[in-house]
């Protein structure tokens, strides 16, 4: 017999934009209301809401027969989220370096190459 339950799951998600993009990568439709992201998976309604530490928590309601689906979904989102936030950080660092070069009279950016491992090689002339 299925029981309708309310569950809460912790996450490490802090960046709303990255979380939304992780939803998109999983082809999950979501809605947003009052800084809360909501979606449905299987027999569950999931509400992603920030806690006092600035991390999103998942508040789930649904039938207990499928609760492992929530953990699996959270783990899939975490993989996408980690890649997205890593790429975003890399882009910010690269832009900061290029801005410092542009503001310097003694340096010039000669080339920028994205390598096979997705790292970025900047060649600077001093």
PDB file of N, CA and C in Angstrom:
ATOM      1  N   UNK A   1       0.837  -1.176   0.000  1.00  0.00           N
ATOM      2  CA  UNK A   1       0.000   0.000   0.000  1.00  0.00           C
ATOM      3  C   UNK A   1       0.889   1.249   0.000  1.00  0.00           C
ATOM      4  N   UNK A   2       0.614   2.159  -0.888  1.00  0.00           N
ATOM      5  CA  UNK A   2       1.369   3.403  -0.978  1.00  0.00           C
ATOM      6  C   UNK A   2       0.910   4.395   0.080  1.00  0.00           C
ATOM      7  N   UNK A   3       1.868   5.137   0.590  1.00  0.00           N
ATOM      8  CA  UNK A   3       1.585   6.158   1.587  1.00  0.00           C
ATOM      9  C   UNK A   3       2.037   7.500   1.026  1.00  0.00           C
ATOM     10  N   UNK A   4       1.204   8.522   1.146  1.00  0.00           N
ATOM     11  CA  UNK A   4       1.558   9.871   0.691  1.00  0.00           C
ATOM     12  C   UNK A   4       2.444  10.503   1.753  1.00  0.00           C
ATOM     13  N   UNK A   5       3.633  10.939   1.350  1.00  0.00           N
ATOM     14  CA  UNK A   5       4.610  11.434   2.326  1.00  0.00           C
ATOM     15  C   UNK A   5       5.177  12.793   1.931  1.00  0.00           C
ATOM     16  N   UNK A   6       5.811  13.426   2.909  1.00  0.00           N
ATOM     17  CA  UNK A   6       6.546  14.674   2.726  1.00  0.00           C
ATOM     18  C   UNK A   6       7.992  14.394   3.121  1.00  0.00           C
ATOM     19  N   UNK A   7       8.917  14.674   2.230  1.00  0.00           N
ATOM     20  CA  UNK A   7      10.333  14.429   2.493  1.00  0.00           C
ATOM     21  C   UNK A   7      11.130  15.702   2.246  1.00  0.00           C
ATOM     22  N   UNK A   8      12.286  15.791   2.896  1.00  0.00           N
ATOM     23  CA  UNK A   8      13.184  16.927   2.695  1.00  0.00           C
ATOM     24  C   UNK A   8      14.576  16.378   2.412  1.00  0.00           C
ATOM     25  N   UNK A   9      15.212  16.912   1.373  1.00  0.00           N
ATOM     26  CA  UNK A   9      16.558  16.499   0.983  1.00  0.00           C
ATOM     27  C   UNK A   9      17.465  17.712   0.909  1.00  0.00           C
ATOM     28  N   UNK A  10      18.678  17.556   1.407  1.00  0.00           N
ATOM     29  CA  UNK A  10      19.673  18.619   1.319  1.00  0.00           C
ATOM     30  C   UNK A  10      20.374  18.551  -0.025  1.00  0.00           C
ATOM     31  N   UNK A  11      20.870  19.698  -0.473  1.00  0.00           N
ATOM     32  CA  UNK A  11      21.693  19.764  -1.682  1.00  0.00           C
ATOM     33  C   UNK A  11      22.843  20.724  -1.416  1.00  0.00           C
ATOM     34  N   UNK A  12      23.736  20.814  -2.370  1.00  0.00           N
ATOM     35  CA  UNK A  12      24.826  21.797  -2.332  1.00  0.00           C
ATOM     36  C   UNK A  12      24.570  22.913  -3.343  1.00  0.00           C
ATOM     37  N   UNK A  13      23.369  22.943  -3.925  1.00  0.00           N
ATOM     38  CA  UNK A  13      23.041  23.925  -4.950  1.00  0.00           C
ATOM     39  C   UNK A  13      22.856  25.301  -4.323  1.00  0.00           C
ATOM     40  N   UNK A  14      23.584  26.278  -4.838  1.00  0.00           N
ATOM     41  CA  UNK A  14      23.427  27.662  -4.381  1.00  0.00           C
ATOM     42  C   UNK A  14      23.102  28.617  -5.526  1.00  0.00           C
ATOM     43  N   UNK A  15      23.600  28.302  -6.698  1.00  0.00           N
ATOM     44  CA  UNK A  15      23.469  29.168  -7.866  1.00  0.00           C
ATOM     45  C   UNK A  15      22.180  28.837  -8.616  1.00  0.00           C
ATOM     46  N   UNK A  16      21.238  29.760  -8.567  1.00  0.00           N
ATOM     47  CA  UNK A  16      19.922  29.547  -9.178  1.00  0.00           C
ATOM     48  C   UNK A  16      20.033  29.326 -10.684  1.00  0.00           C
ATOM     49  N   UNK A  17      20.840  30.133 -11.348  1.00  0.00           N
ATOM     50  CA  UNK A  17      20.997  30.024 -12.800  1.00  0.00           C
ATOM     51  C   UNK A  17      21.554  28.649 -13.190  1.00  0.00           C
ATOM     52  N   UNK A  18      22.547  28.179 -12.451  1.00  0.00           N
ATOM     53  CA  UNK A  18      23.123  26.860 -12.734  1.00  0.00           C
ATOM     54  C   UNK A  18      22.099  25.762 -12.470  1.00  0.00           C
ATOM     55  N   UNK A  19      21.305  25.904 -11.431  1.00  0.00           N
ATOM     56  CA  UNK A  19      20.272  24.907 -11.125  1.00  0.00           C
ATOM     57  C   UNK A  19      19.227  24.860 -12.236  1.00  0.00           C
ATOM     58  N   UNK A  20      18.809  26.010 -12.713  1.00  0.00           N
ATOM     59  CA  UNK A  20      17.842  26.068 -13.811  1.00  0.00           C
ATOM     60  C   UNK A  20      18.420  25.412 -15.064  1.00  0.00           C
ATOM     61  N   UNK A  21      19.686  25.682 -15.348  1.00  0.00           N
ATOM     62  CA  UNK A  21      20.321  25.065 -16.510  1.00  0.00           C
ATOM     63  C   UNK A  21      20.471  23.554 -16.333  1.00  0.00           C
ATOM     64  N   UNK A  22      20.684  23.103 -15.105  1.00  0.00           N
ATOM     65  CA  UNK A  22      20.735  21.660 -14.836  1.00  0.00           C
ATOM     66  C   UNK A  22      19.374  21.026 -15.102  1.00  0.00           C
ATOM     67  N   UNK A  23      18.280  21.717 -14.734  1.00  0.00           N
ATOM     68  CA  UNK A  23      16.936  21.237 -15.063  1.00  0.00           C
ATOM     69  C   UNK A  23      16.806  21.064 -16.579  1.00  0.00           C
ATOM     70  N   UNK A  24      17.254  22.083 -17.300  1.00  0.00           N
ATOM     71  CA  UNK A  24      17.146  22.056 -18.764  1.00  0.00           C
ATOM     72  C   UNK A  24      17.953  20.901 -19.350  1.00  0.00           C
ATOM     73  N   UNK A  25      19.124  20.634 -18.782  1.00  0.00           N
ATOM     74  CA  UNK A  25      19.958  19.539 -19.279  1.00  0.00           C
ATOM     75  C   UNK A  25      19.281  18.183 -19.052  1.00  0.00           C
ATOM     76  N   UNK A  26      18.428  18.101 -18.049  1.00  0.00           N
ATOM     77  CA  UNK A  26      17.680  16.870 -17.761  1.00  0.00           C
ATOM     78  C   UNK A  26      16.293  16.888 -18.418  1.00  0.00           C
ATOM     79  N   UNK A  27      16.032  17.928 -19.238  1.00  0.00           N
ATOM     80  CA  UNK A  27      14.729  18.077 -19.908  1.00  0.00           C
ATOM     81  C   UNK A  27      13.572  18.076 -18.917  1.00  0.00           C
ATOM     82  N   UNK A  28      13.755  18.790 -17.812  1.00  0.00           N
ATOM     83  CA  UNK A  28      12.721  18.892 -16.782  1.00  0.00           C
ATOM     84  C   UNK A  28      12.052  20.264 -16.883  1.00  0.00           C
ATOM     85  N   UNK A  29      10.751  20.247 -17.022  1.00  0.00           N
ATOM     86  CA  UNK A  29       9.986  21.498 -16.994  1.00  0.00           C
ATOM     87  C   UNK A  29       9.870  21.943 -15.543  1.00  0.00           C
ATOM     88  N   UNK A  30      10.015  23.227 -15.319  1.00  0.00           N
ATOM     89  CA  UNK A  30       9.937  23.771 -13.964  1.00  0.00           C
ATOM     90  C   UNK A  30       9.140  25.062 -13.993  1.00  0.00           C
ATOM     91  N   UNK A  31       8.688  25.458 -12.825  1.00  0.00           N
ATOM     92  CA  UNK A  31       8.056  26.762 -12.658  1.00  0.00           C
ATOM     93  C   UNK A  31       8.774  27.470 -11.515  1.00  0.00           C
ATOM     94  N   UNK A  32       8.623  28.761 -11.498  1.00  0.00           N
ATOM     95  CA  UNK A  32       9.279  29.561 -10.466  1.00  0.00           C
ATOM     96  C   UNK A  32       8.249  30.471  -9.825  1.00  0.00           C
ATOM     97  N   UNK A  33       8.274  30.497  -8.497  1.00  0.00           N
ATOM     98  CA  UNK A  33       7.363  31.383  -7.768  1.00  0.00           C
ATOM     99  C   UNK A  33       8.022  31.751  -6.441  1.00  0.00           C
ATOM    100  N   UNK A  34       8.132  33.040  -6.188  1.00  0.00           N
ATOM    101  CA  UNK A  34       8.669  33.540  -4.922  1.00  0.00           C
ATOM    102  C   UNK A  34      10.021  32.897  -4.563  1.00  0.00           C
ATOM    103  N   UNK A  35      10.968  32.943  -5.471  1.00  0.00           N
ATOM    104  CA  UNK A  35      12.317  32.387  -5.265  1.00  0.00           C
ATOM    105  C   UNK A  35      12.312  30.891  -4.977  1.00  0.00           C
ATOM    106  N   UNK A  36      11.283  30.209  -5.405  1.00  0.00           N
ATOM    107  CA  UNK A  36      11.189  28.767  -5.250  1.00  0.00           C
ATOM    108  C   UNK A  36      11.039  28.158  -6.641  1.00  0.00           C
ATOM    109  N   UNK A  37      11.796  27.094  -6.912  1.00  0.00           N
ATOM    110  CA  UNK A  37      11.700  26.380  -8.177  1.00  0.00           C
ATOM    111  C   UNK A  37      10.933  25.089  -7.933  1.00  0.00           C
ATOM    112  N   UNK A  38       9.977  24.803  -8.817  1.00  0.00           N
ATOM    113  CA  UNK A  38       9.131  23.629  -8.630  1.00  0.00           C
ATOM    114  C   UNK A  38       9.112  22.798  -9.903  1.00  0.00           C
ATOM    115  N   UNK A  39       9.154  21.473  -9.715  1.00  0.00           N
ATOM    116  CA  UNK A  39       9.056  20.563 -10.843  1.00  0.00           C
ATOM    117  C   UNK A  39       8.421  19.259 -10.378  1.00  0.00           C
ATOM    118  N   UNK A  40       8.104  18.417 -11.319  1.00  0.00           N
ATOM    119  CA  UNK A  40       7.525  17.111 -11.022  1.00  0.00           C
ATOM    120  C   UNK A  40       8.405  16.034 -11.639  1.00  0.00           C
ATOM    121  N   UNK A  41       8.661  14.995 -10.864  1.00  0.00           N
ATOM    122  CA  UNK A  41       9.310  13.804 -11.407  1.00  0.00           C
ATOM    123  C   UNK A  41       8.514  12.605 -10.900  1.00  0.00           C
ATOM    124  N   UNK A  42       8.174  11.732 -11.804  1.00  0.00           N
ATOM    125  CA  UNK A  42       7.415  10.555 -11.401  1.00  0.00           C
ATOM    126  C   UNK A  42       6.168  10.939 -10.637  1.00  0.00           C
ATOM    127  N   UNK A  43       6.061  10.413  -9.436  1.00  0.00           N
ATOM    128  CA  UNK A  43       4.889  10.665  -8.598  1.00  0.00           C
ATOM    129  C   UNK A  43       5.154  11.730  -7.536  1.00  0.00           C
ATOM    130  N   UNK A  44       6.173  12.569  -7.755  1.00  0.00           N
ATOM    131  CA  UNK A  44       6.565  13.554  -6.751  1.00  0.00           C
ATOM    132  C   UNK A  44       6.486  14.974  -7.275  1.00  0.00           C
ATOM    133  N   UNK A  45       6.069  15.861  -6.396  1.00  0.00           N
ATOM    134  CA  UNK A  45       6.180  17.305  -6.614  1.00  0.00           C
ATOM    135  C   UNK A  45       7.397  17.754  -5.827  1.00  0.00           C
ATOM    136  N   UNK A  46       8.332  18.386  -6.500  1.00  0.00           N
ATOM    137  CA  UNK A  46       9.553  18.843  -5.843  1.00  0.00           C
ATOM    138  C   UNK A  46       9.579  20.355  -5.787  1.00  0.00           C
ATOM    139  N   UNK A  47       9.912  20.882  -4.625  1.00  0.00           N
ATOM    140  CA  UNK A  47      10.052  22.322  -4.417  1.00  0.00           C
ATOM    141  C   UNK A  47      11.481  22.581  -3.955  1.00  0.00           C
ATOM    142  N   UNK A  48      12.211  23.375  -4.722  1.00  0.00           N
ATOM    143  CA  UNK A  48      13.569  23.747  -4.382  1.00  0.00           C
ATOM    144  C   UNK A  48      13.525  25.138  -3.772  1.00  0.00           C
ATOM    145  N   UNK A  49      13.874  25.226  -2.503  1.00  0.00           N
ATOM    146  CA  UNK A  49      13.817  26.500  -1.793  1.00  0.00           C
ATOM    147  C   UNK A  49      15.100  26.674  -0.993  1.00  0.00           C
ATOM    148  N   UNK A  50      15.640  27.907  -0.998  1.00  0.00           N
ATOM    149  CA  UNK A  50      16.883  28.172  -0.280  1.00  0.00           C
ATOM    150  C   UNK A  50      16.662  28.142   1.228  1.00  0.00           C
ATOM    151  N   UNK A  51      17.639  27.563   1.926  1.00  0.00           N
ATOM    152  CA  UNK A  51      17.601  27.563   3.384  1.00  0.00           C
ATOM    153  C   UNK A  51      18.431  28.731   3.911  1.00  0.00           C
ATOM    154  N   UNK A  52      18.613  28.813   5.217  1.00  0.00           N
ATOM    155  CA  UNK A  52      19.336  29.935   5.827  1.00  0.00           C
ATOM    156  C   UNK A  52      20.812  29.958   5.433  1.00  0.00           C
ATOM    157  N   UNK A  53      21.356  28.821   4.962  1.00  0.00           N
ATOM    158  CA  UNK A  53      22.755  28.763   4.511  1.00  0.00           C
ATOM    159  C   UNK A  53      22.906  29.121   3.042  1.00  0.00           C
ATOM    160  N   UNK A  54      21.804  29.459   2.383  1.00  0.00           N
ATOM    161  CA  UNK A  54      21.854  29.827   0.973  1.00  0.00           C
ATOM    162  C   UNK A  54      21.873  28.636   0.035  1.00  0.00           C
ATOM    163  N   UNK A  55      21.621  27.431   0.563  1.00  0.00           N
ATOM    164  CA  UNK A  55      21.583  26.228  -0.259  1.00  0.00           C
ATOM    165  C   UNK A  55      20.127  25.826  -0.501  1.00  0.00           C
ATOM    166  N   UNK A  56      19.878  25.315  -1.696  1.00  0.00           N
ATOM    167  CA  UNK A  56      18.530  24.849  -1.998  1.00  0.00           C
ATOM    168  C   UNK A  56      18.283  23.521  -1.305  1.00  0.00           C
ATOM    169  N   UNK A  57      17.126  23.404  -0.686  1.00  0.00           N
ATOM    170  CA  UNK A  57      16.652  22.141  -0.142  1.00  0.00           C
ATOM    171  C   UNK A  57      15.505  21.676  -1.020  1.00  0.00           C
ATOM    172  N   UNK A  58      15.363  20.374  -1.121  1.00  0.00           N
ATOM    173  CA  UNK A  58      14.264  19.813  -1.894  1.00  0.00           C
ATOM    174  C   UNK A  58      13.176  19.362  -0.915  1.00  0.00           C
ATOM    175  N   UNK A  59      12.015  19.964  -1.042  1.00  0.00           N
ATOM    176  CA  UNK A  59      10.848  19.517  -0.287  1.00  0.00           C
ATOM    177  C   UNK A  59       9.984  18.736  -1.262  1.00  0.00           C
ATOM    178  N   UNK A  60       9.801  17.455  -0.969  1.00  0.00           N
ATOM    179  CA  UNK A  60       9.089  16.565  -1.884  1.00  0.00           C
ATOM    180  C   UNK A  60       7.813  16.044  -1.244  1.00  0.00           C
ATOM    181  N   UNK A  61       6.782  15.958  -2.067  1.00  0.00           N
ATOM    182  CA  UNK A  61       5.544  15.316  -1.639  1.00  0.00           C
ATOM    183  C   UNK A  61       5.179  14.296  -2.707  1.00  0.00           C
ATOM    184  N   UNK A  62       4.750  13.123  -2.251  1.00  0.00           N
ATOM    185  CA  UNK A  62       4.359  12.076  -3.189  1.00  0.00           C
ATOM    186  C   UNK A  62       4.238  10.749  -2.473  1.00  0.00           C
ATOM    187  N   UNK A  63       4.204   9.700  -3.238  1.00  0.00           N
ATOM    188  CA  UNK A  63       4.028   8.357  -2.680  1.00  0.00           C
ATOM    189  C   UNK A  63       5.365   7.701  -2.396  1.00  0.00           C
ATOM    190  N   UNK A  64       5.482   7.060  -1.246  1.00  0.00           N
ATOM    191  CA  UNK A  64       6.752   6.526  -0.769  1.00  0.00           C
ATOM    192  C   UNK A  64       7.334   5.419  -1.645  1.00  0.00           C
ATOM    193  N   UNK A  65       6.560   4.849  -2.535  1.00  0.00           N
ATOM    194  CA  UNK A  65       7.047   3.770  -3.392  1.00  0.00           C
ATOM    195  C   UNK A  65       8.199   4.199  -4.295  1.00  0.00           C
ATOM    196  N   UNK A  66       8.300   5.476  -4.590  1.00  0.00           N
ATOM    197  CA  UNK A  66       9.251   5.958  -5.588  1.00  0.00           C
ATOM    198  C   UNK A  66      10.287   6.914  -5.029  1.00  0.00           C
ATOM    199  N   UNK A  67      10.509   6.921  -3.721  1.00  0.00           N
ATOM    200  CA  UNK A  67      11.397   7.934  -3.143  1.00  0.00           C
ATOM    201  C   UNK A  67      12.847   7.805  -3.600  1.00  0.00           C
ATOM    202  N   UNK A  68      13.289   6.620  -4.046  1.00  0.00           N
ATOM    203  CA  UNK A  68      14.646   6.496  -4.579  1.00  0.00           C
ATOM    204  C   UNK A  68      14.819   7.312  -5.856  1.00  0.00           C
ATOM    205  N   UNK A  69      13.715   7.568  -6.566  1.00  0.00           N
ATOM    206  CA  UNK A  69      13.770   8.399  -7.766  1.00  0.00           C
ATOM    207  C   UNK A  69      14.238   9.813  -7.443  1.00  0.00           C
ATOM    208  N   UNK A  70      13.884  10.317  -6.278  1.00  0.00           N
ATOM    209  CA  UNK A  70      14.280  11.669  -5.887  1.00  0.00           C
ATOM    210  C   UNK A  70      15.791  11.732  -5.699  1.00  0.00           C
ATOM    211  N   UNK A  71      16.357  10.763  -5.012  1.00  0.00           N
ATOM    212  CA  UNK A  71      17.806  10.740  -4.803  1.00  0.00           C
ATOM    213  C   UNK A  71      18.539  10.615  -6.128  1.00  0.00           C
ATOM    214  N   UNK A  72      18.040   9.775  -7.000  1.00  0.00           N
ATOM    215  CA  UNK A  72      18.649   9.602  -8.317  1.00  0.00           C
ATOM    216  C   UNK A  72      18.592  10.907  -9.110  1.00  0.00           C
ATOM    217  N   UNK A  73      17.445  11.567  -9.073  1.00  0.00           N
ATOM    218  CA  UNK A  73      17.274  12.841  -9.772  1.00  0.00           C
ATOM    219  C   UNK A  73      18.211  13.895  -9.193  1.00  0.00           C
ATOM    220  N   UNK A  74      18.291  13.982  -7.867  1.00  0.00           N
ATOM    221  CA  UNK A  74      19.187  14.941  -7.217  1.00  0.00           C
ATOM    222  C   UNK A  74      20.633  14.694  -7.650  1.00  0.00           C
ATOM    223  N   UNK A  75      21.046  13.433  -7.728  1.00  0.00           N
ATOM    224  CA  UNK A  75      22.411  13.108  -8.126  1.00  0.00           C
ATOM    225  C   UNK A  75      22.698  13.480  -9.581  1.00  0.00           C
ATOM    226  N   UNK A  76      21.711  13.271 -10.464  1.00  0.00           N
ATOM    227  CA  UNK A  76      21.871  13.677 -11.870  1.00  0.00           C
ATOM    228  C   UNK A  76      22.008  15.193 -11.978  1.00  0.00           C
ATOM    229  N   UNK A  77      21.155  15.907 -11.242  1.00  0.00           N
ATOM    230  CA  UNK A  77      21.249  17.371 -11.240  1.00  0.00           C
ATOM    231  C   UNK A  77      22.610  17.828 -10.723  1.00  0.00           C
ATOM    232  N   UNK A  78      23.112  17.149  -9.694  1.00  0.00           N
ATOM    233  CA  UNK A  78      24.401  17.525  -9.092  1.00  0.00           C
ATOM    234  C   UNK A  78      25.541  17.413 -10.094  1.00  0.00           C
ATOM    235  N   UNK A  79      25.515  16.400 -10.940  1.00  0.00           N
ATOM    236  CA  UNK A  79      26.561  16.242 -11.962  1.00  0.00           C
ATOM    237  C   UNK A  79      26.528  17.422 -12.929  1.00  0.00           C
ATOM    238  N   UNK A  80      25.342  17.761 -13.419  1.00  0.00           N
ATOM    239  CA  UNK A  80      25.198  18.901 -14.334  1.00  0.00           C
ATOM    240  C   UNK A  80      25.577  20.206 -13.637  1.00  0.00           C
ATOM    241  N   UNK A  81      25.087  20.369 -12.420  1.00  0.00           N
ATOM    242  CA  UNK A  81      25.324  21.590 -11.648  1.00  0.00           C
ATOM    243  C   UNK A  81      26.824  21.812 -11.432  1.00  0.00           C
ATOM    244  N   UNK A  82      27.526  20.757 -11.063  1.00  0.00           N
ATOM    245  CA  UNK A  82      28.968  20.869 -10.812  1.00  0.00           C
ATOM    246  C   UNK A  82      29.715  21.311 -12.071  1.00  0.00           C
ATOM    247  N   UNK A  83      29.363  20.711 -13.208  1.00  0.00           N
ATOM    248  CA  UNK A  83      30.018  21.089 -14.460  1.00  0.00           C
ATOM    249  C   UNK A  83      29.699  22.537 -14.814  1.00  0.00           C
ATOM    250  N   UNK A  84      28.438  22.919 -14.669  1.00  0.00           N
ATOM    251  CA  UNK A  84      28.028  24.281 -15.009  1.00  0.00           C
ATOM    252  C   UNK A  84      28.726  25.316 -14.129  1.00  0.00           C
ATOM    253  N   UNK A  85      28.802  25.056 -12.829  1.00  0.00           N
ATOM    254  CA  UNK A  85      29.444  26.031 -11.935  1.00  0.00           C
ATOM    255  C   UNK A  85      30.953  26.066 -12.155  1.00  0.00           C
ATOM    256  N   UNK A  86      31.540  24.927 -12.487  1.00  0.00           N
ATOM    257  CA  UNK A  86      32.984  24.896 -12.790  1.00  0.00           C
ATOM    258  C   UNK A  86      33.268  25.707 -14.055  1.00  0.00           C
ATOM    259  N   UNK A  87      32.447  25.514 -15.093  1.00  0.00           N
ATOM    260  CA  UNK A  87      32.612  26.263 -16.333  1.00  0.00           C
ATOM    261  C   UNK A  87      32.411  27.762 -16.107  1.00  0.00           C
ATOM    262  N   UNK A  88      31.431  28.090 -15.277  1.00  0.00           N
ATOM    263  CA  UNK A  88      31.143  29.504 -14.981  1.00  0.00           C
ATOM    264  C   UNK A  88      32.323  30.146 -14.244  1.00  0.00           C
ATOM    265  N   UNK A  89      32.885  29.435 -13.274  1.00  0.00           N
ATOM    266  CA  UNK A  89      34.034  29.946 -12.537  1.00  0.00           C
ATOM    267  C   UNK A  89      35.231  30.119 -13.468  1.00  0.00           C
ATOM    268  N   UNK A  90      35.460  29.143 -14.339  1.00  0.00           N
ATOM    269  CA  UNK A  90      36.571  29.235 -15.287  1.00  0.00           C
ATOM    270  C   UNK A  90      36.398  30.466 -16.182  1.00  0.00           C
ATOM    271  N   UNK A  91      35.188  30.690 -16.642  1.00  0.00           N
ATOM    272  CA  UNK A  91      34.914  31.845 -17.495  1.00  0.00           C
ATOM    273  C   UNK A  91      35.161  33.157 -16.745  1.00  0.00           C
ATOM    274  N   UNK A  92      34.721  33.234 -15.487  1.00  0.00           N
ATOM    275  CA  UNK A  92      34.935  34.447 -14.691  1.00  0.00           C
ATOM    276  C   UNK A  92      36.423  34.721 -14.477  1.00  0.00           C
ATOM    277  N   UNK A  93      37.173  33.687 -14.152  1.00  0.00           N
ATOM    278  CA  UNK A  93      38.612  33.848 -13.925  1.00  0.00           C
ATOM    279  C   UNK A  93      39.302  34.292 -15.211  1.00  0.00           C
ATOM    280  N   UNK A  94      38.955  33.655 -16.311  1.00  0.00           N
ATOM    281  CA  UNK A  94      39.550  34.010 -17.600  1.00  0.00           C
ATOM    282  C   UNK A  94      39.233  35.465 -17.958  1.00  0.00           C
ATOM    283  N   UNK A  95      37.987  35.877 -17.764  1.00  0.00           N
ATOM    284  CA  UNK A  95      37.598  37.262 -18.058  1.00  0.00           C
ATOM    285  C   UNK A  95      38.341  38.249 -17.163  1.00  0.00           C
ATOM    286  N   UNK A  96      38.541  37.908 -15.891  1.00  0.00           N
ATOM    287  CA  UNK A  96      39.295  38.773 -14.982  1.00  0.00           C
ATOM    288  C   UNK A  96      40.738  38.933 -15.452  1.00  0.00           C
ATOM    289  N   UNK A  97      41.344  37.836 -15.868  1.00  0.00           N
ATOM    290  CA  UNK A  97      42.724  37.894 -16.355  1.00  0.00           C
ATOM    291  C   UNK A  97      42.798  38.756 -17.614  1.00  0.00           C
ATOM    292  N   UNK A  98      41.876  38.544 -18.544  1.00  0.00           N
ATOM    293  CA  UNK A  98      41.887  39.330 -19.790  1.00  0.00           C
ATOM    294  C   UNK A  98      41.646  40.819 -19.518  1.00  0.00           C
ATOM    295  N   UNK A  99      40.815  41.122 -18.533  1.00  0.00           N
ATOM    296  CA  UNK A  99      40.570  42.521 -18.173  1.00  0.00           C
ATOM    297  C   UNK A  99      41.841  43.156 -17.605  1.00  0.00           C
ATOM    298  N   UNK A 100      42.544  42.413 -16.753  1.00  0.00           N
ATOM    299  CA  UNK A 100      43.805  42.920 -16.199  1.00  0.00           C
ATOM    300  C   UNK A 100      44.836  43.146 -17.299  1.00  0.00           C
ATOM    301  N   UNK A 101      44.880  42.264 -18.263  1.00  0.00           N
ATOM    302  CA  UNK A 101      45.802  42.420 -19.392  1.00  0.00           C
ATOM    303  C   UNK A 101      45.426  43.653 -20.200  1.00  0.00           C
ATOM    304  N   UNK A 102      44.140  43.833 -20.466  1.00  0.00           N
ATOM    305  CA  UNK A 102      43.667  44.978 -21.253  1.00  0.00           C
ATOM    306  C   UNK A 102      43.981  46.304 -20.562  1.00  0.00           C
ATOM    307  N   UNK A 103      43.983  46.295 -19.222  1.00  0.00           N
ATOM    308  CA  UNK A 103      44.255  47.520 -18.468  1.00  0.00           C
ATOM    309  C   UNK A 103      45.743  47.754 -18.236  1.00  0.00           C
ATOM    310  N   UNK A 104      46.564  46.835 -18.666  1.00  0.00           N
ATOM    311  CA  UNK A 104      48.004  46.951 -18.457  1.00  0.00           C
ATOM    312  C   UNK A 104      48.680  47.534 -19.696  1.00  0.00           C
ATOM    313  N   UNK A 105      49.626  48.407 -19.458  1.00  0.00           N
ATOM    314  CA  UNK A 105      50.398  48.970 -20.568  1.00  0.00           C
ATOM    315  C   UNK A 105      51.537  48.040 -20.984  1.00  0.00           C
ATOM    316  N   UNK A 106      51.918  47.125 -20.110  1.00  0.00           N
ATOM    317  CA  UNK A 106      53.074  46.275 -20.393  1.00  0.00           C
ATOM    318  C   UNK A 106      52.705  44.863 -20.866  1.00  0.00           C
ATOM    319  N   UNK A 107      51.417  44.580 -20.995  1.00  0.00           N
ATOM    320  CA  UNK A 107      51.017  43.243 -21.439  1.00  0.00           C
ATOM    321  C   UNK A 107      50.000  43.335 -22.575  1.00  0.00           C
ATOM    322  N   UNK A 108      50.004  42.292 -23.397  1.00  0.00           N
ATOM    323  CA  UNK A 108      49.045  42.205 -24.495  1.00  0.00           C
ATOM    324  C   UNK A 108      48.666  40.733 -24.662  1.00  0.00           C
ATOM    325  N   UNK A 109      47.373  40.478 -24.847  1.00  0.00           N
ATOM    326  CA  UNK A 109      46.907  39.119 -25.082  1.00  0.00           C
ATOM    327  C   UNK A 109      47.199  38.762 -26.531  1.00  0.00           C
ATOM    328  N   UNK A 110      48.047  37.765 -26.709  1.00  0.00           N
ATOM    329  CA  UNK A 110      48.421  37.350 -28.059  1.00  0.00           C
ATOM    330  C   UNK A 110      47.446  36.330 -28.627  1.00  0.00           C
ATOM    331  N   UNK A 111      47.050  35.359 -27.796  1.00  0.00           N
ATOM    332  CA  UNK A 111      46.098  34.355 -28.282  1.00  0.00           C
ATOM    333  C   UNK A 111      45.366  33.696 -27.118  1.00  0.00           C
ATOM    334  N   UNK A 112      44.217  33.118 -27.458  1.00  0.00           N
ATOM    335  CA  UNK A 112      43.403  32.376 -26.496  1.00  0.00           C
ATOM    336  C   UNK A 112      42.941  31.095 -27.188  1.00  0.00           C
ATOM    337  N   UNK A 113      43.278  29.951 -26.596  1.00  0.00           N
ATOM    338  CA  UNK A 113      42.952  28.665 -27.196  1.00  0.00           C
ATOM    339  C   UNK A 113      42.267  27.778 -26.157  1.00  0.00           C
ATOM    340  N   UNK A 114      41.152  27.184 -26.552  1.00  0.00           N
ATOM    341  CA  UNK A 114      40.483  26.198 -25.699  1.00  0.00           C
ATOM    342  C   UNK A 114      41.062  24.834 -26.064  1.00  0.00           C
ATOM    343  N   UNK A 115      41.659  24.163 -25.086  1.00  0.00           N
ATOM    344  CA  UNK A 115      42.310  22.884 -25.304  1.00  0.00           C
ATOM    345  C   UNK A 115      41.317  21.721 -25.230  1.00  0.00           C
ATOM    346  N   UNK A 116      41.778  20.521 -25.572  1.00  0.00           N
ATOM    347  CA  UNK A 116      40.913  19.333 -25.618  1.00  0.00           C
ATOM    348  C   UNK A 116      40.237  19.049 -24.281  1.00  0.00           C
ATOM    349  N   UNK A 117      40.922  19.329 -23.174  1.00  0.00           N
ATOM    350  CA  UNK A 117      40.353  19.059 -21.852  1.00  0.00           C
ATOM    351  C   UNK A 117      39.474  20.207 -21.358  1.00  0.00           C
ATOM    352  N   UNK A 118      39.164  21.149 -22.265  1.00  0.00           N
ATOM    353  CA  UNK A 118      38.319  22.303 -21.998  1.00  0.00           C
ATOM    354  C   UNK A 118      39.010  23.367 -21.138  1.00  0.00           C
ATOM    355  N   UNK A 119      40.309  23.222 -20.920  1.00  0.00           N
ATOM    356  CA  UNK A 119      41.057  24.285 -20.257  1.00  0.00           C
ATOM    357  C   UNK A 119      41.363  25.367 -21.295  1.00  0.00           C
ATOM    358  N   UNK A 120      41.740  26.530 -20.814  1.00  0.00           N
ATOM    359  CA  UNK A 120      41.992  27.663 -21.702  1.00  0.00           C
ATOM    360  C   UNK A 120      43.444  28.082 -21.565  1.00  0.00           C
ATOM    361  N   UNK A 121      44.096  28.212 -22.709  1.00  0.00           N
ATOM    362  CA  UNK A 121      45.482  28.639 -22.735  1.00  0.00           C
ATOM    363  C   UNK A 121      45.533  30.074 -23.255  1.00  0.00           C
ATOM    364  N   UNK A 122      45.994  30.983 -22.396  1.00  0.00           N
ATOM    365  CA  UNK A 122      46.170  32.379 -22.791  1.00  0.00           C
ATOM    366  C   UNK A 122      47.656  32.618 -22.991  1.00  0.00           C
ATOM    367  N   UNK A 123      48.003  33.179 -24.136  1.00  0.00           N
ATOM    368  CA  UNK A 123      49.398  33.546 -24.406  1.00  0.00           C
ATOM    369  C   UNK A 123      49.488  35.054 -24.284  1.00  0.00           C
ATOM    370  N   UNK A 124      50.360  35.498 -23.391  1.00  0.00           N
ATOM    371  CA  UNK A 124      50.487  36.925 -23.084  1.00  0.00           C
ATOM    372  C   UNK A 124      51.868  37.399 -23.491  1.00  0.00           C
ATOM    373  N   UNK A 125      51.912  38.516 -24.198  1.00  0.00           N
ATOM    374  CA  UNK A 125      53.174  39.136 -24.577  1.00  0.00           C
ATOM    375  C   UNK A 125      53.471  40.209 -23.530  1.00  0.00           C
ATOM    376  N   UNK A 126      54.677  40.145 -22.978  1.00  0.00           N
ATOM    377  CA  UNK A 126      55.095  41.130 -21.962  1.00  0.00           C
ATOM    378  C   UNK A 126      56.143  42.036 -22.544  1.00  0.00           C
TER     379      UNK A 126
END
